[in-house]
Amino acid sequence: MIAGMHEQDILAYVIFGLILNFLFSILFGLYLTKNIGMEEMIRSKGEKEQSLLVSLSLFIPFAKMAITLYRVAVLQFFFLNKGYTHKEFWIYMTHEEENR
């Protein structure tokens, strides 16, 4: 038992969390593609690497899904509500701090 749960239950939660993450990530990607355009996204993409914490969150149930939903909230509250565009959000997400 791990944290009061059987290993099979934890594995089921991890798999379900990963499936939800991929679903939200695909839908968020489609949303950005619709609003920015695939060619424009490719042209304006930076070389920013994901942090180690984001990579390790694959092993925590629902953590990647929460990170994706956090990015959606950042887009809405800090970009769209303040008059910025989807493209400016894309540049924020994909470029290093000193390159902006």
N, C-alpha and C. Protein backbone atom coordinates (compact mmCIF):
# COMPACT_ATOMS: atom_id res chain seq x y z
N MET A 1 0.84 -1.18 0.00
CA MET A 1 0.00 0.00 0.00
C MET A 1 0.89 1.25 0.00
N ILE A 2 0.50 2.19 -0.80
CA ILE A 2 1.18 3.48 -0.86
C ILE A 2 0.14 4.55 -0.56
N ALA A 3 0.41 5.34 0.47
CA ALA A 3 -0.50 6.43 0.88
C ALA A 3 -1.92 5.92 1.07
N GLY A 4 -2.06 4.72 1.61
CA GLY A 4 -3.37 4.16 1.90
C GLY A 4 -4.09 3.60 0.70
N MET A 5 -3.40 3.47 -0.42
CA MET A 5 -4.03 2.95 -1.65
C MET A 5 -3.21 1.77 -2.16
N HIS A 6 -3.87 0.86 -2.81
CA HIS A 6 -3.17 -0.24 -3.44
C HIS A 6 -2.44 0.27 -4.68
N GLU A 7 -1.39 -0.43 -5.05
CA GLU A 7 -0.58 -0.01 -6.18
C GLU A 7 -1.39 0.07 -7.47
N GLN A 8 -2.34 -0.85 -7.63
CA GLN A 8 -3.18 -0.84 -8.84
C GLN A 8 -4.04 0.42 -8.91
N ASP A 9 -4.53 0.87 -7.75
CA ASP A 9 -5.35 2.07 -7.73
C ASP A 9 -4.53 3.30 -8.09
N ILE A 10 -3.31 3.39 -7.55
CA ILE A 10 -2.44 4.52 -7.87
C ILE A 10 -2.11 4.51 -9.35
N LEU A 11 -1.81 3.33 -9.90
CA LEU A 11 -1.49 3.23 -11.32
C LEU A 11 -2.70 3.65 -12.17
N ALA A 12 -3.90 3.28 -11.74
CA ALA A 12 -5.10 3.69 -12.47
C ALA A 12 -5.27 5.21 -12.44
N TYR A 13 -5.02 5.83 -11.29
CA TYR A 13 -5.09 7.29 -11.20
C TYR A 13 -4.05 7.97 -12.08
N VAL A 14 -2.84 7.43 -12.10
CA VAL A 14 -1.78 8.00 -12.94
C VAL A 14 -2.17 7.91 -14.41
N ILE A 15 -2.64 6.76 -14.84
CA ILE A 15 -3.02 6.58 -16.24
C ILE A 15 -4.19 7.49 -16.60
N PHE A 16 -5.19 7.58 -15.74
CA PHE A 16 -6.33 8.47 -16.00
C PHE A 16 -5.88 9.93 -16.05
N GLY A 17 -4.98 10.31 -15.14
CA GLY A 17 -4.44 11.67 -15.16
C GLY A 17 -3.68 11.97 -16.44
N LEU A 18 -2.90 11.02 -16.92
CA LEU A 18 -2.17 11.21 -18.18
C LEU A 18 -3.11 11.33 -19.37
N ILE A 19 -4.16 10.51 -19.37
CA ILE A 19 -5.15 10.60 -20.45
C ILE A 19 -5.82 11.97 -20.44
N LEU A 20 -6.21 12.45 -19.26
CA LEU A 20 -6.82 13.78 -19.17
C LEU A 20 -5.83 14.87 -19.58
N ASN A 21 -4.56 14.71 -19.21
CA ASN A 21 -3.55 15.68 -19.61
C ASN A 21 -3.45 15.75 -21.13
N PHE A 22 -3.35 14.60 -21.78
CA PHE A 22 -3.25 14.61 -23.24
C PHE A 22 -4.50 15.20 -23.88
N LEU A 23 -5.66 14.90 -23.33
CA LEU A 23 -6.89 15.47 -23.86
C LEU A 23 -6.89 16.99 -23.74
N PHE A 24 -6.59 17.51 -22.54
CA PHE A 24 -6.54 18.96 -22.35
C PHE A 24 -5.44 19.61 -23.19
N SER A 25 -4.29 18.95 -23.28
CA SER A 25 -3.18 19.51 -24.05
C SER A 25 -3.53 19.58 -25.54
N ILE A 26 -4.16 18.54 -26.05
CA ILE A 26 -4.56 18.54 -27.46
C ILE A 26 -5.61 19.61 -27.71
N LEU A 27 -6.60 19.71 -26.83
CA LEU A 27 -7.63 20.73 -27.01
C LEU A 27 -7.06 22.14 -26.91
N PHE A 28 -6.12 22.36 -25.97
CA PHE A 28 -5.48 23.67 -25.83
C PHE A 28 -4.63 23.98 -27.06
N GLY A 29 -3.92 22.98 -27.57
CA GLY A 29 -3.15 23.16 -28.79
C GLY A 29 -4.02 23.49 -29.99
N LEU A 30 -5.15 22.81 -30.11
CA LEU A 30 -6.09 23.11 -31.20
C LEU A 30 -6.65 24.52 -31.07
N TYR A 31 -6.94 24.92 -29.84
CA TYR A 31 -7.46 26.28 -29.60
C TYR A 31 -6.43 27.33 -30.02
N LEU A 32 -5.17 27.14 -29.61
CA LEU A 32 -4.13 28.10 -30.00
C LEU A 32 -3.90 28.09 -31.50
N THR A 33 -3.92 26.91 -32.11
CA THR A 33 -3.73 26.81 -33.56
C THR A 33 -4.85 27.55 -34.30
N LYS A 34 -6.06 27.42 -33.79
CA LYS A 34 -7.19 28.09 -34.44
C LYS A 34 -7.04 29.62 -34.35
N ASN A 35 -6.54 30.11 -33.22
CA ASN A 35 -6.45 31.55 -33.02
C ASN A 35 -5.16 32.18 -33.53
N ILE A 36 -4.09 31.41 -33.62
CA ILE A 36 -2.82 31.95 -34.09
C ILE A 36 -2.52 31.50 -35.51
N GLY A 37 -2.76 30.25 -35.79
CA GLY A 37 -2.42 29.67 -37.08
C GLY A 37 -1.16 28.83 -36.95
N MET A 38 -1.17 27.67 -37.59
CA MET A 38 -0.06 26.74 -37.46
C MET A 38 1.25 27.32 -38.00
N GLU A 39 1.19 27.95 -39.16
CA GLU A 39 2.41 28.51 -39.75
C GLU A 39 3.00 29.61 -38.88
N GLU A 40 2.15 30.46 -38.33
CA GLU A 40 2.62 31.54 -37.47
C GLU A 40 3.21 30.99 -36.18
N MET A 41 2.62 29.93 -35.65
CA MET A 41 3.16 29.31 -34.44
C MET A 41 4.54 28.72 -34.70
N ILE A 42 4.72 28.10 -35.84
CA ILE A 42 6.02 27.52 -36.17
C ILE A 42 7.06 28.61 -36.35
N ARG A 43 6.68 29.70 -37.03
CA ARG A 43 7.63 30.80 -37.26
C ARG A 43 8.04 31.49 -35.97
N SER A 44 7.11 31.65 -35.03
CA SER A 44 7.40 32.45 -33.84
C SER A 44 7.80 31.62 -32.62
N LYS A 45 7.93 30.30 -32.78
CA LYS A 45 8.28 29.44 -31.64
C LYS A 45 9.73 29.68 -31.23
N GLY A 46 9.96 29.76 -29.93
CA GLY A 46 11.29 29.91 -29.38
C GLY A 46 11.91 28.56 -29.05
N GLU A 47 13.02 28.60 -28.33
CA GLU A 47 13.73 27.38 -27.98
C GLU A 47 13.67 27.09 -26.48
N LYS A 48 12.66 27.59 -25.79
CA LYS A 48 12.56 27.43 -24.34
C LYS A 48 12.32 25.97 -23.98
N GLU A 49 13.11 25.47 -23.04
CA GLU A 49 12.96 24.11 -22.54
C GLU A 49 11.99 24.10 -21.36
N GLN A 50 11.25 23.00 -21.22
CA GLN A 50 10.39 22.86 -20.05
C GLN A 50 11.25 22.64 -18.83
N SER A 51 10.79 23.11 -17.70
CA SER A 51 11.54 22.92 -16.47
C SER A 51 11.52 21.45 -16.05
N LEU A 52 12.48 21.07 -15.24
CA LEU A 52 12.56 19.69 -14.76
C LEU A 52 11.33 19.32 -13.95
N LEU A 53 10.79 20.27 -13.20
CA LEU A 53 9.60 20.02 -12.40
C LEU A 53 8.41 19.62 -13.27
N VAL A 54 8.25 20.29 -14.41
CA VAL A 54 7.16 19.95 -15.32
C VAL A 54 7.37 18.56 -15.89
N SER A 55 8.60 18.22 -16.23
CA SER A 55 8.88 16.88 -16.76
C SER A 55 8.63 15.80 -15.72
N LEU A 56 9.01 16.05 -14.49
CA LEU A 56 8.81 15.05 -13.43
C LEU A 56 7.34 14.93 -13.01
N SER A 57 6.54 15.93 -13.32
CA SER A 57 5.14 15.89 -12.91
C SER A 57 4.34 14.83 -13.66
N LEU A 58 4.93 14.21 -14.67
CA LEU A 58 4.26 13.10 -15.35
C LEU A 58 3.94 11.96 -14.39
N PHE A 59 4.75 11.82 -13.34
CA PHE A 59 4.60 10.70 -12.43
C PHE A 59 3.65 10.98 -11.27
N ILE A 60 3.14 12.20 -11.18
CA ILE A 60 2.19 12.55 -10.13
C ILE A 60 0.80 12.61 -10.75
N PRO A 61 -0.16 11.85 -10.24
CA PRO A 61 -1.48 11.83 -10.86
C PRO A 61 -2.09 13.23 -10.98
N PHE A 62 -2.54 13.57 -12.14
CA PHE A 62 -3.25 14.80 -12.47
C PHE A 62 -2.37 16.06 -12.42
N ALA A 63 -1.08 15.93 -12.16
CA ALA A 63 -0.22 17.12 -12.07
C ALA A 63 -0.05 17.78 -13.44
N LYS A 64 0.18 16.99 -14.48
CA LYS A 64 0.34 17.58 -15.82
C LYS A 64 -0.96 18.24 -16.26
N MET A 65 -2.09 17.65 -15.93
CA MET A 65 -3.37 18.24 -16.28
C MET A 65 -3.54 19.58 -15.56
N ALA A 66 -3.12 19.65 -14.31
CA ALA A 66 -3.21 20.89 -13.55
C ALA A 66 -2.29 21.96 -14.15
N ILE A 67 -1.13 21.57 -14.63
CA ILE A 67 -0.21 22.52 -15.26
C ILE A 67 -0.82 23.06 -16.55
N THR A 68 -1.44 22.19 -17.34
CA THR A 68 -2.10 22.64 -18.57
C THR A 68 -3.24 23.60 -18.25
N LEU A 69 -4.04 23.28 -17.25
CA LEU A 69 -5.13 24.17 -16.86
C LEU A 69 -4.59 25.49 -16.29
N TYR A 70 -3.44 25.45 -15.62
CA TYR A 70 -2.79 26.68 -15.15
C TYR A 70 -2.40 27.56 -16.34
N ARG A 71 -1.87 26.95 -17.39
CA ARG A 71 -1.49 27.71 -18.58
C ARG A 71 -2.72 28.33 -19.24
N VAL A 72 -3.84 27.61 -19.24
CA VAL A 72 -5.08 28.17 -19.78
C VAL A 72 -5.51 29.38 -18.95
N ALA A 73 -5.39 29.27 -17.62
CA ALA A 73 -5.76 30.39 -16.75
C ALA A 73 -4.84 31.58 -16.97
N VAL A 74 -3.55 31.35 -17.15
CA VAL A 74 -2.61 32.44 -17.44
C VAL A 74 -3.01 33.13 -18.74
N LEU A 75 -3.34 32.34 -19.75
CA LEU A 75 -3.77 32.91 -21.03
C LEU A 75 -4.98 33.81 -20.83
N GLN A 76 -5.97 33.32 -20.11
CA GLN A 76 -7.20 34.08 -19.95
C GLN A 76 -7.02 35.31 -19.07
N PHE A 77 -6.47 35.12 -17.88
CA PHE A 77 -6.45 36.21 -16.89
C PHE A 77 -5.35 37.24 -17.14
N PHE A 78 -4.19 36.79 -17.61
CA PHE A 78 -3.07 37.72 -17.72
C PHE A 78 -2.78 38.16 -19.14
N PHE A 79 -3.43 37.56 -20.12
CA PHE A 79 -3.19 37.99 -21.50
C PHE A 79 -4.48 38.51 -22.14
N LEU A 80 -5.47 37.65 -22.27
CA LEU A 80 -6.68 38.06 -22.99
C LEU A 80 -7.45 39.13 -22.24
N ASN A 81 -7.55 39.03 -20.93
CA ASN A 81 -8.29 40.03 -20.16
C ASN A 81 -7.58 41.38 -20.12
N LYS A 82 -6.29 41.40 -20.39
CA LYS A 82 -5.54 42.65 -20.40
C LYS A 82 -5.30 43.18 -21.81
N GLY A 83 -5.93 42.58 -22.80
CA GLY A 83 -5.86 43.08 -24.16
C GLY A 83 -4.72 42.54 -25.00
N TYR A 84 -3.96 41.58 -24.48
CA TYR A 84 -2.90 40.97 -25.27
C TYR A 84 -3.50 39.92 -26.20
N THR A 85 -2.71 39.44 -27.14
CA THR A 85 -3.20 38.48 -28.12
C THR A 85 -2.73 37.07 -27.78
N HIS A 86 -3.31 36.11 -28.49
CA HIS A 86 -2.89 34.72 -28.34
C HIS A 86 -1.43 34.57 -28.75
N LYS A 87 -1.02 35.29 -29.78
CA LYS A 87 0.36 35.20 -30.26
C LYS A 87 1.34 35.68 -29.20
N GLU A 88 1.01 36.74 -28.48
CA GLU A 88 1.88 37.22 -27.41
C GLU A 88 2.01 36.18 -26.29
N PHE A 89 0.93 35.46 -26.02
CA PHE A 89 0.98 34.37 -25.05
C PHE A 89 1.90 33.27 -25.55
N TRP A 90 1.79 32.92 -26.82
CA TRP A 90 2.63 31.88 -27.41
C TRP A 90 4.10 32.26 -27.30
N ILE A 91 4.41 33.50 -27.58
CA ILE A 91 5.80 33.97 -27.48
C ILE A 91 6.26 33.92 -26.03
N TYR A 92 5.40 34.30 -25.09
CA TYR A 92 5.72 34.23 -23.66
C TYR A 92 6.03 32.80 -23.25
N MET A 93 5.26 31.84 -23.74
CA MET A 93 5.43 30.45 -23.35
C MET A 93 6.65 29.79 -23.99
N THR A 94 7.09 30.24 -25.15
CA THR A 94 8.12 29.52 -25.88
C THR A 94 9.47 30.22 -25.95
N HIS A 95 9.59 31.43 -25.43
CA HIS A 95 10.87 32.14 -25.49
C HIS A 95 11.46 32.27 -24.09
N GLU A 96 12.78 32.27 -24.04
CA GLU A 96 13.50 32.48 -22.79
C GLU A 96 13.27 33.92 -22.33
N GLU A 97 13.46 34.17 -21.06
CA GLU A 97 13.21 35.48 -20.45
C GLU A 97 14.02 36.59 -21.12
N GLU A 98 15.33 36.37 -21.38
CA GLU A 98 16.16 37.43 -21.93
C GLU A 98 15.92 37.69 -23.40
N ASN A 99 15.23 36.79 -24.10
CA ASN A 99 15.02 36.97 -25.54
C ASN A 99 13.75 37.74 -25.88
N ARG A 100 12.95 38.10 -24.89
CA ARG A 100 11.67 38.77 -25.18
C ARG A 100 11.87 40.20 -25.42
